[in-house]
C-alpha cells in the first residue's frame, strides 16, 4: 500500500501541477488498490496489469487471513473480501513493510468504528450490524489474534528459564515474552457460535506468553495477578507483596502465601523468570 494518494480518481490538484511520471505512479497505485473503481493506466498491457493487481491483493489478503483466522471465519467470504478490498483502497498505511500489515488492518478497523460512531452522532443511517468491520468485538478479537503472531515473531528473550521453585527472596520479573492483556469481551471464546453483542460482565484478563519451547500460550488471569506482575518491575518480590497487601487492605501473610503460589505457577509456565 502506498500513502498520501486521494481515492476514487481525486487527483488532489490540476493534472499539469505535477510531473508526468507522478501521474503514472498515482494512476498505477489507484488501479492496484481498487481496479473496479479506477481506470487502468494507459500504456501498460492489460493482462499484465490485472495479474499485478491480483497478486498485490492476494498477498495482503493472505497475510490478514493467516493472522486473523477467527475473525475471517466470523466475517464470511464475501464480507471479508469486501472489507480487505476497502482496507487496501482507503487505508493510508504508515509502514511500507508487509509484516506490519496486520497492525495497519487494526488501525483500519478502529477508523471504521470511529466513522460509524460519528455517523450515528450526526443522526445519519449507520452501517449494518452485519458489517464485520463494525462488530463490537472486532478490534479486540483482532488484537488477540495479532498477539499470537507478534509473540511468535518476537526476538528471543534475554533471560534464562529454570525449573527450581521460586521463593520470596528471589529477584523475579515478568518475562519479556509474557504480555498481560485485558479485554472487554471474552475474545478467546469468540467464534461462529459465539458472537457477543455486549461486553462481558467482567473484563477478560489473559497472559500471552512464548515459552522456552517457542510455544505461544494464553493463560487466564485476573486484575490482582496482573497488578502483582506489574509490581515485580518496580520492587523486589517481598516489596511487591507488601504493596499489593496495602492496596488490597489485607494482612501481608495471606497475600504472600497466595502470591507466592501464583508466582510459582507462572514460573512453571515461563511467564515469571529469575533475574
C-alpha atoms as a PDB file:
ATOM      1  CA  UNK A   1       0.000   0.000   0.000  1.00  0.00           C
ATOM      2  CA  UNK A   2       1.145   3.483  -0.738  1.00  0.00           C
ATOM      3  CA  UNK A   3       0.301   6.584   1.235  1.00  0.00           C
ATOM      4  CA  UNK A   4      -0.945  10.070   0.554  1.00  0.00           C
ATOM      5  CA  UNK A   5      -2.962   9.199  -2.575  1.00  0.00           C
ATOM      6  CA  UNK A   6      -6.513  10.593  -2.852  1.00  0.00           C
ATOM      7  CA  UNK A   7      -9.115   7.923  -3.647  1.00  0.00           C
ATOM      8  CA  UNK A   8     -11.625   7.441  -6.448  1.00  0.00           C
ATOM      9  CA  UNK A   9      -9.824   9.463  -9.049  1.00  0.00           C
ATOM     10  CA  UNK A  10      -9.403  12.575  -6.891  1.00  0.00           C
ATOM     11  CA  UNK A  11      -6.036  13.766  -8.142  1.00  0.00           C
ATOM     12  CA  UNK A  12      -5.573  16.368  -5.446  1.00  0.00           C
ATOM     13  CA  UNK A  13      -4.861  19.166  -7.928  1.00  0.00           C
ATOM     14  CA  UNK A  14      -4.631  20.098 -11.642  1.00  0.00           C
ATOM     15  CA  UNK A  15      -3.104  17.487 -13.927  1.00  0.00           C
ATOM     16  CA  UNK A  16      -0.385  19.927 -15.074  1.00  0.00           C
ATOM     17  CA  UNK A  17       0.641  20.709 -11.483  1.00  0.00           C
ATOM     18  CA  UNK A  18       2.837  17.601 -11.200  1.00  0.00           C
ATOM     19  CA  UNK A  19       5.358  15.776 -13.414  1.00  0.00           C
ATOM     20  CA  UNK A  20       4.022  13.168 -15.833  1.00  0.00           C
ATOM     21  CA  UNK A  21       5.773  10.300 -14.057  1.00  0.00           C
ATOM     22  CA  UNK A  22       3.899  11.124 -10.853  1.00  0.00           C
ATOM     23  CA  UNK A  23       0.620  10.942 -12.744  1.00  0.00           C
ATOM     24  CA  UNK A  24       1.581   7.482 -13.968  1.00  0.00           C
ATOM     25  CA  UNK A  25       2.532   6.396 -10.446  1.00  0.00           C
ATOM     26  CA  UNK A  26      -0.715   7.660  -8.960  1.00  0.00           C
ATOM     27  CA  UNK A  27      -2.849   6.084 -11.683  1.00  0.00           C
ATOM     28  CA  UNK A  28      -0.947   2.826 -11.254  1.00  0.00           C
ATOM     29  CA  UNK A  29      -1.422   2.821  -7.467  1.00  0.00           C
ATOM     30  CA  UNK A  30      -5.101   3.759  -7.735  1.00  0.00           C
ATOM     31  CA  UNK A  31      -5.819   0.875 -10.102  1.00  0.00           C
ATOM     32  CA  UNK A  32      -3.879  -1.608  -7.976  1.00  0.00           C
ATOM     33  CA  UNK A  33      -5.838  -0.604  -4.893  1.00  0.00           C
ATOM     34  CA  UNK A  34      -9.271  -0.878  -6.486  1.00  0.00           C
ATOM     35  CA  UNK A  35      -9.469  -1.996 -10.150  1.00  0.00           C
ATOM     36  CA  UNK A  36     -13.271  -1.735 -10.138  1.00  0.00           C
ATOM     37  CA  UNK A  37     -13.279   1.954  -9.253  1.00  0.00           C
ATOM     38  CA  UNK A  38     -10.221   3.280 -11.087  1.00  0.00           C
ATOM     39  CA  UNK A  39      -9.283   3.138 -14.776  1.00  0.00           C
ATOM     40  CA  UNK A  40      -6.335   1.090 -15.906  1.00  0.00           C
ATOM     41  CA  UNK A  41      -3.301   3.336 -16.519  1.00  0.00           C
ATOM     42  CA  UNK A  42      -2.542   3.830 -20.222  1.00  0.00           C
ATOM     43  CA  UNK A  43       0.453   2.282 -21.909  1.00  0.00           C
ATOM     44  CA  UNK A  44       0.506  -0.947 -19.858  1.00  0.00           C
ATOM     45  CA  UNK A  45      -0.589  -4.324 -21.175  1.00  0.00           C
ATOM     46  CA  UNK A  46      -3.989  -5.088 -19.649  1.00  0.00           C
ATOM     47  CA  UNK A  47      -3.193  -8.730 -18.884  1.00  0.00           C
ATOM     48  CA  UNK A  48      -0.026  -7.830 -17.001  1.00  0.00           C
ATOM     49  CA  UNK A  49      -1.766  -5.070 -15.085  1.00  0.00           C
ATOM     50  CA  UNK A  50      -4.568  -7.395 -13.984  1.00  0.00           C
ATOM     51  CA  UNK A  51      -2.059 -10.031 -12.863  1.00  0.00           C
ATOM     52  CA  UNK A  52      -0.143  -7.451 -10.835  1.00  0.00           C
ATOM     53  CA  UNK A  53      -3.310  -6.151  -9.205  1.00  0.00           C
ATOM     54  CA  UNK A  54      -4.407  -9.678  -8.328  1.00  0.00           C
ATOM     55  CA  UNK A  55      -1.022 -10.620  -6.858  1.00  0.00           C
ATOM     56  CA  UNK A  56      -0.924  -7.432  -4.797  1.00  0.00           C
ATOM     57  CA  UNK A  57      -4.364  -8.078  -3.330  1.00  0.00           C
ATOM     58  CA  UNK A  58      -3.745 -11.779  -2.743  1.00  0.00           C
ATOM     59  CA  UNK A  59      -0.514 -11.093  -0.845  1.00  0.00           C
ATOM     60  CA  UNK A  60      -2.235  -8.719   1.561  1.00  0.00           C
ATOM     61  CA  UNK A  61      -5.361 -10.859   1.922  1.00  0.00           C
ATOM     62  CA  UNK A  62      -3.248 -13.938   2.641  1.00  0.00           C
ATOM     63  CA  UNK A  63      -1.323 -12.199   5.430  1.00  0.00           C
ATOM     64  CA  UNK A  64      -4.530 -10.945   7.016  1.00  0.00           C
ATOM     65  CA  UNK A  65      -6.352 -14.274   6.690  1.00  0.00           C
ATOM     66  CA  UNK A  66      -3.500 -16.144   8.382  1.00  0.00           C
ATOM     67  CA  UNK A  67      -3.227 -13.624  11.207  1.00  0.00           C
ATOM     68  CA  UNK A  68      -6.954 -13.110  11.798  1.00  0.00           C
ATOM     69  CA  UNK A  69      -8.278 -16.586  11.015  1.00  0.00           C
ATOM     70  CA  UNK A  70     -11.098 -16.479  13.591  1.00  0.00           C
ATOM     71  CA  UNK A  71     -12.222 -13.008  12.540  1.00  0.00           C
ATOM     72  CA  UNK A  72     -12.105 -14.088   8.907  1.00  0.00           C
ATOM     73  CA  UNK A  73     -14.345 -17.077   9.720  1.00  0.00           C
ATOM     74  CA  UNK A  74     -16.765 -14.876  11.642  1.00  0.00           C
ATOM     75  CA  UNK A  75     -16.923 -12.375   8.790  1.00  0.00           C
ATOM     76  CA  UNK A  76     -17.653 -14.866   5.996  1.00  0.00           C
ATOM     77  CA  UNK A  77     -16.192 -14.943   2.496  1.00  0.00           C
ATOM     78  CA  UNK A  78     -17.988 -12.086   0.747  1.00  0.00           C
ATOM     79  CA  UNK A  79     -17.924  -9.552   3.612  1.00  0.00           C
ATOM     80  CA  UNK A  80     -14.306 -10.436   4.374  1.00  0.00           C
ATOM     81  CA  UNK A  81     -13.088  -9.802   0.843  1.00  0.00           C
ATOM     82  CA  UNK A  82     -15.146  -6.621   0.605  1.00  0.00           C
ATOM     83  CA  UNK A  83     -13.536  -5.412   3.814  1.00  0.00           C
ATOM     84  CA  UNK A  84      -9.997  -6.310   2.729  1.00  0.00           C
ATOM     85  CA  UNK A  85     -10.571  -4.541  -0.592  1.00  0.00           C
ATOM     86  CA  UNK A  86     -11.825  -1.469   1.235  1.00  0.00           C
ATOM     87  CA  UNK A  87      -8.786  -1.614   3.524  1.00  0.00           C
ATOM     88  CA  UNK A  88      -6.430  -1.756   0.540  1.00  0.00           C
ATOM     89  CA  UNK A  89      -8.363   1.004  -1.193  1.00  0.00           C
ATOM     90  CA  UNK A  90      -8.867   3.525   1.619  1.00  0.00           C
ATOM     91  CA  UNK A  91      -6.345   2.946   4.383  1.00  0.00           C
ATOM     92  CA  UNK A  92      -3.228   5.097   4.446  1.00  0.00           C
ATOM     93  CA  UNK A  93      -0.510   2.834   5.802  1.00  0.00           C
ATOM     94  CA  UNK A  94       2.228   4.309   7.980  1.00  0.00           C
ATOM     95  CA  UNK A  95       4.619   1.413   7.306  1.00  0.00           C
ATOM     96  CA  UNK A  96       5.778   0.005   3.938  1.00  0.00           C
ATOM     97  CA  UNK A  97       6.536  -3.447   5.396  1.00  0.00           C
ATOM     98  CA  UNK A  98       4.251  -6.421   4.809  1.00  0.00           C
ATOM     99  CA  UNK A  99       4.943  -7.647   8.358  1.00  0.00           C
ATOM    100  CA  UNK A 100       3.165  -4.527   9.639  1.00  0.00           C
ATOM    101  CA  UNK A 101       0.037  -5.075   7.530  1.00  0.00           C
ATOM    102  CA  UNK A 102      -1.917  -6.754  10.385  1.00  0.00           C
ATOM    103  CA  UNK A 103      -1.334  -3.740  12.639  1.00  0.00           C
ATOM    104  CA  UNK A 104      -2.415  -1.422   9.852  1.00  0.00           C
ATOM    105  CA  UNK A 105      -5.568  -3.518   9.476  1.00  0.00           C
ATOM    106  CA  UNK A 106      -6.394  -2.979  13.141  1.00  0.00           C
ATOM    107  CA  UNK A 107      -5.959   0.766  12.616  1.00  0.00           C
ATOM    108  CA  UNK A 108      -8.401   0.447   9.719  1.00  0.00           C
ATOM    109  CA  UNK A 109     -10.957  -1.335  11.917  1.00  0.00           C
ATOM    110  CA  UNK A 110     -10.613   1.364  14.547  1.00  0.00           C
ATOM    111  CA  UNK A 111     -11.177   4.010  11.869  1.00  0.00           C
ATOM    112  CA  UNK A 112     -14.311   2.206  10.662  1.00  0.00           C
ATOM    113  CA  UNK A 113     -15.632   2.136  14.214  1.00  0.00           C
ATOM    114  CA  UNK A 114     -14.929   5.851  14.617  1.00  0.00           C
ATOM    115  CA  UNK A 115     -16.654   6.678  11.342  1.00  0.00           C
ATOM    116  CA  UNK A 116     -19.713   4.669  12.350  1.00  0.00           C
ATOM    117  CA  UNK A 117     -19.847   6.446  15.710  1.00  0.00           C
ATOM    118  CA  UNK A 118     -19.595   9.874  14.073  1.00  0.00           C
ATOM    119  CA  UNK A 119     -22.314   8.985  11.592  1.00  0.00           C
ATOM    120  CA  UNK A 120     -24.608   7.842  14.392  1.00  0.00           C
ATOM    121  CA  UNK A 121     -23.973  11.023  16.369  1.00  0.00           C
ATOM    122  CA  UNK A 122     -24.984  13.073  13.352  1.00  0.00           C
ATOM    123  CA  UNK A 123     -28.251  11.182  13.026  1.00  0.00           C
ATOM    124  CA  UNK A 124     -27.482   9.594   9.662  1.00  0.00           C
ATOM    125  CA  UNK A 125     -28.026   5.895   8.879  1.00  0.00           C
ATOM    126  CA  UNK A 126     -25.164   3.721  10.104  1.00  0.00           C
ATOM    127  CA  UNK A 127     -23.606   0.652   8.563  1.00  0.00           C
ATOM    128  CA  UNK A 128     -25.485  -2.551   9.337  1.00  0.00           C
ATOM    129  CA  UNK A 129     -24.620  -4.620  12.401  1.00  0.00           C
ATOM    130  CA  UNK A 130     -23.817  -7.357   9.881  1.00  0.00           C
ATOM    131  CA  UNK A 131     -20.776  -5.418   8.658  1.00  0.00           C
ATOM    132  CA  UNK A 132     -17.885  -7.434  10.177  1.00  0.00           C
ATOM    133  CA  UNK A 133     -15.682  -4.353  10.420  1.00  0.00           C
ATOM    134  CA  UNK A 134     -18.186  -2.881  12.857  1.00  0.00           C
ATOM    135  CA  UNK A 135     -18.843  -5.926  15.026  1.00  0.00           C
ATOM    136  CA  UNK A 136     -18.394  -4.566  18.549  1.00  0.00           C
ATOM    137  CA  UNK A 137     -15.674  -7.079  19.398  1.00  0.00           C
ATOM    138  CA  UNK A 138     -13.807  -6.803  16.073  1.00  0.00           C
ATOM    139  CA  UNK A 139     -10.871  -4.733  17.247  1.00  0.00           C
ATOM    140  CA  UNK A 140     -10.308  -6.735  20.445  1.00  0.00           C
ATOM    141  CA  UNK A 141     -10.600 -10.076  18.654  1.00  0.00           C
ATOM    142  CA  UNK A 142      -8.108  -8.966  16.022  1.00  0.00           C
ATOM    143  CA  UNK A 143      -5.713  -7.699  18.684  1.00  0.00           C
ATOM    144  CA  UNK A 144      -5.977 -11.050  20.482  1.00  0.00           C
ATOM    145  CA  UNK A 145      -5.138 -12.860  17.239  1.00  0.00           C
ATOM    146  CA  UNK A 146      -2.358 -10.388  16.394  1.00  0.00           C
ATOM    147  CA  UNK A 147      -0.678 -11.009  19.772  1.00  0.00           C
ATOM    148  CA  UNK A 148      -0.117 -14.661  18.856  1.00  0.00           C
ATOM    149  CA  UNK A 149       1.645 -13.652  15.636  1.00  0.00           C
ATOM    150  CA  UNK A 150       3.633 -10.866  17.303  1.00  0.00           C
ATOM    151  CA  UNK A 151       4.914 -13.119  20.084  1.00  0.00           C
ATOM    152  CA  UNK A 152       5.764 -15.848  17.610  1.00  0.00           C
ATOM    153  CA  UNK A 153       7.933 -13.386  15.669  1.00  0.00           C
ATOM    154  CA  UNK A 154       9.400 -11.564  18.668  1.00  0.00           C
ATOM    155  CA  UNK A 155      13.177 -11.804  19.249  1.00  0.00           C
ATOM    156  CA  UNK A 156      14.341 -14.344  21.807  1.00  0.00           C
ATOM    157  CA  UNK A 157      14.179 -13.117  25.387  1.00  0.00           C
ATOM    158  CA  UNK A 158      17.389 -12.132  27.155  1.00  0.00           C
ATOM    159  CA  UNK A 159      16.611 -14.251  30.194  1.00  0.00           C
ATOM    160  CA  UNK A 160      17.106 -17.795  31.479  1.00  0.00           C
ATOM    161  CA  UNK A 161      14.323 -20.266  32.201  1.00  0.00           C
ATOM    162  CA  UNK A 162      14.668 -22.789  35.029  1.00  0.00           C
ATOM    163  CA  UNK A 163      12.592 -25.335  36.923  1.00  0.00           C
ATOM    164  CA  UNK A 164      13.549 -24.537  40.533  1.00  0.00           C
ATOM    165  CA  UNK A 165      10.659 -23.278  42.690  1.00  0.00           C
ATOM    166  CA  UNK A 166      10.829 -19.557  43.429  1.00  0.00           C
ATOM    167  CA  UNK A 167      10.945 -18.088  46.926  1.00  0.00           C
ATOM    168  CA  UNK A 168      10.033 -14.737  48.394  1.00  0.00           C
ATOM    169  CA  UNK A 169      13.714 -13.807  48.478  1.00  0.00           C
ATOM    170  CA  UNK A 170      14.244 -14.377  44.742  1.00  0.00           C
ATOM    171  CA  UNK A 171      14.527 -11.446  42.376  1.00  0.00           C
ATOM    172  CA  UNK A 172      11.745 -12.030  39.871  1.00  0.00           C
ATOM    173  CA  UNK A 173      10.423 -10.319  36.778  1.00  0.00           C
ATOM    174  CA  UNK A 174       7.846 -10.752  34.074  1.00  0.00           C
ATOM    175  CA  UNK A 175       9.383 -12.491  31.055  1.00  0.00           C
ATOM    176  CA  UNK A 176       9.899 -10.144  28.084  1.00  0.00           C
ATOM    177  CA  UNK A 177       7.882 -12.714  26.129  1.00  0.00           C
ATOM    178  CA  UNK A 178       4.903 -12.569  28.507  1.00  0.00           C
ATOM    179  CA  UNK A 179       2.267  -9.895  27.896  1.00  0.00           C
ATOM    180  CA  UNK A 180      -0.587  -9.258  30.361  1.00  0.00           C
ATOM    181  CA  UNK A 181      -3.778  -8.433  28.449  1.00  0.00           C
ATOM    182  CA  UNK A 182      -7.215  -7.133  29.347  1.00  0.00           C
ATOM    183  CA  UNK A 183     -10.273  -7.193  27.080  1.00  0.00           C
ATOM    184  CA  UNK A 184     -13.884  -6.115  27.490  1.00  0.00           C
ATOM    185  CA  UNK A 185     -15.003  -9.200  25.535  1.00  0.00           C
ATOM    186  CA  UNK A 186     -14.218 -12.880  26.129  1.00  0.00           C
ATOM    187  CA  UNK A 187     -12.096 -12.910  22.988  1.00  0.00           C
ATOM    188  CA  UNK A 188     -10.779 -16.437  23.500  1.00  0.00           C
ATOM    189  CA  UNK A 189     -14.345 -17.808  23.193  1.00  0.00           C
ATOM    190  CA  UNK A 190     -15.474 -15.836  20.133  1.00  0.00           C
ATOM    191  CA  UNK A 191     -16.328 -17.865  17.040  1.00  0.00           C
ATOM    192  CA  UNK A 192     -19.233 -18.585  14.676  1.00  0.00           C
ATOM    193  CA  UNK A 193     -21.277 -19.946  17.598  1.00  0.00           C
ATOM    194  CA  UNK A 194     -20.461 -17.117  19.997  1.00  0.00           C
ATOM    195  CA  UNK A 195     -20.838 -13.558  18.734  1.00  0.00           C
ATOM    196  CA  UNK A 196     -21.377 -11.298  21.761  1.00  0.00           C
ATOM    197  CA  UNK A 197     -23.199  -8.048  21.186  1.00  0.00           C
ATOM    198  CA  UNK A 198     -22.209  -6.521  24.530  1.00  0.00           C
ATOM    199  CA  UNK A 199     -19.035  -6.630  26.645  1.00  0.00           C
ATOM    200  CA  UNK A 200     -18.855  -9.346  29.262  1.00  0.00           C
ATOM    201  CA  UNK A 201     -19.984  -8.614  32.808  1.00  0.00           C
ATOM    202  CA  UNK A 202     -16.333  -8.593  33.915  1.00  0.00           C
ATOM    203  CA  UNK A 203     -13.136  -7.905  31.969  1.00  0.00           C
ATOM    204  CA  UNK A 204     -11.224 -10.804  30.454  1.00  0.00           C
ATOM    205  CA  UNK A 205      -7.699 -10.927  31.870  1.00  0.00           C
ATOM    206  CA  UNK A 206      -5.145 -13.041  29.994  1.00  0.00           C
ATOM    207  CA  UNK A 207      -1.384 -13.502  29.888  1.00  0.00           C
ATOM    208  CA  UNK A 208       0.035 -14.284  26.470  1.00  0.00           C
ATOM    209  CA  UNK A 209       3.426 -15.962  26.628  1.00  0.00           C
ATOM    210  CA  UNK A 210       6.007 -17.609  24.400  1.00  0.00           C
ATOM    211  CA  UNK A 211       7.668 -20.258  26.499  1.00  0.00           C
ATOM    212  CA  UNK A 212      11.113 -21.873  26.286  1.00  0.00           C
ATOM    213  CA  UNK A 213       9.773 -24.288  23.651  1.00  0.00           C
ATOM    214  CA  UNK A 214       8.677 -21.364  21.449  1.00  0.00           C
ATOM    215  CA  UNK A 215       5.025 -22.198  22.023  1.00  0.00           C
ATOM    216  CA  UNK A 216       2.629 -19.254  22.340  1.00  0.00           C
ATOM    217  CA  UNK A 217       0.039 -19.826  25.057  1.00  0.00           C
ATOM    218  CA  UNK A 218      -2.723 -17.798  26.711  1.00  0.00           C
ATOM    219  CA  UNK A 219      -3.287 -18.157  30.446  1.00  0.00           C
ATOM    220  CA  UNK A 220      -6.374 -16.862  32.237  1.00  0.00           C
ATOM    221  CA  UNK A 221      -5.546 -14.252  34.840  1.00  0.00           C
ATOM    222  CA  UNK A 222      -7.209 -11.554  36.937  1.00  0.00           C
ATOM    223  CA  UNK A 223      -6.684  -7.960  37.987  1.00  0.00           C
ATOM    224  CA  UNK A 224      -4.790  -8.811  41.176  1.00  0.00           C
ATOM    225  CA  UNK A 225      -2.330 -11.137  39.424  1.00  0.00           C
ATOM    226  CA  UNK A 226      -1.746  -8.566  36.709  1.00  0.00           C
ATOM    227  CA  UNK A 227      -1.085  -5.906  39.344  1.00  0.00           C
ATOM    228  CA  UNK A 228       1.401  -8.235  41.076  1.00  0.00           C
ATOM    229  CA  UNK A 229       3.248  -8.806  37.804  1.00  0.00           C
ATOM    230  CA  UNK A 230       3.467  -5.060  37.247  1.00  0.00           C
ATOM    231  CA  UNK A 231       4.789  -4.562  40.785  1.00  0.00           C
ATOM    232  CA  UNK A 232       7.617  -7.044  40.146  1.00  0.00           C
ATOM    233  CA  UNK A 233       9.093  -4.482  37.801  1.00  0.00           C
ATOM    234  CA  UNK A 234       9.008  -1.802  40.482  1.00  0.00           C
ATOM    235  CA  UNK A 235      10.196  -3.612  43.625  1.00  0.00           C
ATOM    236  CA  UNK A 236      11.677  -6.869  44.884  1.00  0.00           C
ATOM    237  CA  UNK A 237       9.329  -9.786  45.483  1.00  0.00           C
ATOM    238  CA  UNK A 238       8.789  -9.101  49.181  1.00  0.00           C
ATOM    239  CA  UNK A 239       8.192  -5.407  48.472  1.00  0.00           C
ATOM    240  CA  UNK A 240       5.727  -6.270  45.699  1.00  0.00           C
ATOM    241  CA  UNK A 241       3.707  -8.391  48.119  1.00  0.00           C
ATOM    242  CA  UNK A 242       3.708  -5.616  50.736  1.00  0.00           C
ATOM    243  CA  UNK A 243       2.490  -3.018  48.235  1.00  0.00           C
ATOM    244  CA  UNK A 244      -0.209  -5.376  46.990  1.00  0.00           C
ATOM    245  CA  UNK A 245      -1.348  -6.137  50.534  1.00  0.00           C
ATOM    246  CA  UNK A 246      -1.573  -2.412  51.308  1.00  0.00           C
ATOM    247  CA  UNK A 247      -3.617  -1.796  48.163  1.00  0.00           C
ATOM    248  CA  UNK A 248      -5.962  -4.669  48.985  1.00  0.00           C
ATOM    249  CA  UNK A 249      -6.263  -3.640  52.629  1.00  0.00           C
ATOM    250  CA  UNK A 250      -5.101  -7.100  53.646  1.00  0.00           C
ATOM    251  CA  UNK A 251      -2.558  -8.543  56.038  1.00  0.00           C
ATOM    252  CA  UNK A 252       0.783  -9.375  54.450  1.00  0.00           C
ATOM    253  CA  UNK A 253       0.896 -13.072  55.352  1.00  0.00           C
ATOM    254  CA  UNK A 254      -2.075 -14.325  53.286  1.00  0.00           C
ATOM    255  CA  UNK A 255      -1.036 -12.146  50.341  1.00  0.00           C
ATOM    256  CA  UNK A 256       2.500 -13.554  50.472  1.00  0.00           C
ATOM    257  CA  UNK A 257       1.215 -17.142  50.721  1.00  0.00           C
ATOM    258  CA  UNK A 258      -1.259 -16.833  47.858  1.00  0.00           C
ATOM    259  CA  UNK A 259       1.039 -14.630  45.800  1.00  0.00           C
ATOM    260  CA  UNK A 260       3.987 -16.990  46.080  1.00  0.00           C
ATOM    261  CA  UNK A 261       1.832 -19.911  44.936  1.00  0.00           C
ATOM    262  CA  UNK A 262       0.699 -17.822  41.964  1.00  0.00           C
ATOM    263  CA  UNK A 263       4.267 -16.809  41.080  1.00  0.00           C
ATOM    264  CA  UNK A 264       5.404 -20.437  41.206  1.00  0.00           C
ATOM    265  CA  UNK A 265       2.604 -21.442  38.873  1.00  0.00           C
ATOM    266  CA  UNK A 266       3.508 -18.639  36.463  1.00  0.00           C
ATOM    267  CA  UNK A 267       7.202 -19.513  36.774  1.00  0.00           C
ATOM    268  CA  UNK A 268       6.415 -23.079  35.676  1.00  0.00           C
ATOM    269  CA  UNK A 269       4.756 -21.576  32.583  1.00  0.00           C
ATOM    270  CA  UNK A 270       7.800 -19.368  31.813  1.00  0.00           C
ATOM    271  CA  UNK A 271       5.752 -16.240  32.471  1.00  0.00           C
ATOM    272  CA  UNK A 272       7.815 -15.237  35.518  1.00  0.00           C
ATOM    273  CA  UNK A 273      11.618 -15.564  35.418  1.00  0.00           C
ATOM    274  CA  UNK A 274      14.515 -15.034  37.816  1.00  0.00           C
ATOM    275  CA  UNK A 275      16.731 -12.031  37.266  1.00  0.00           C
END
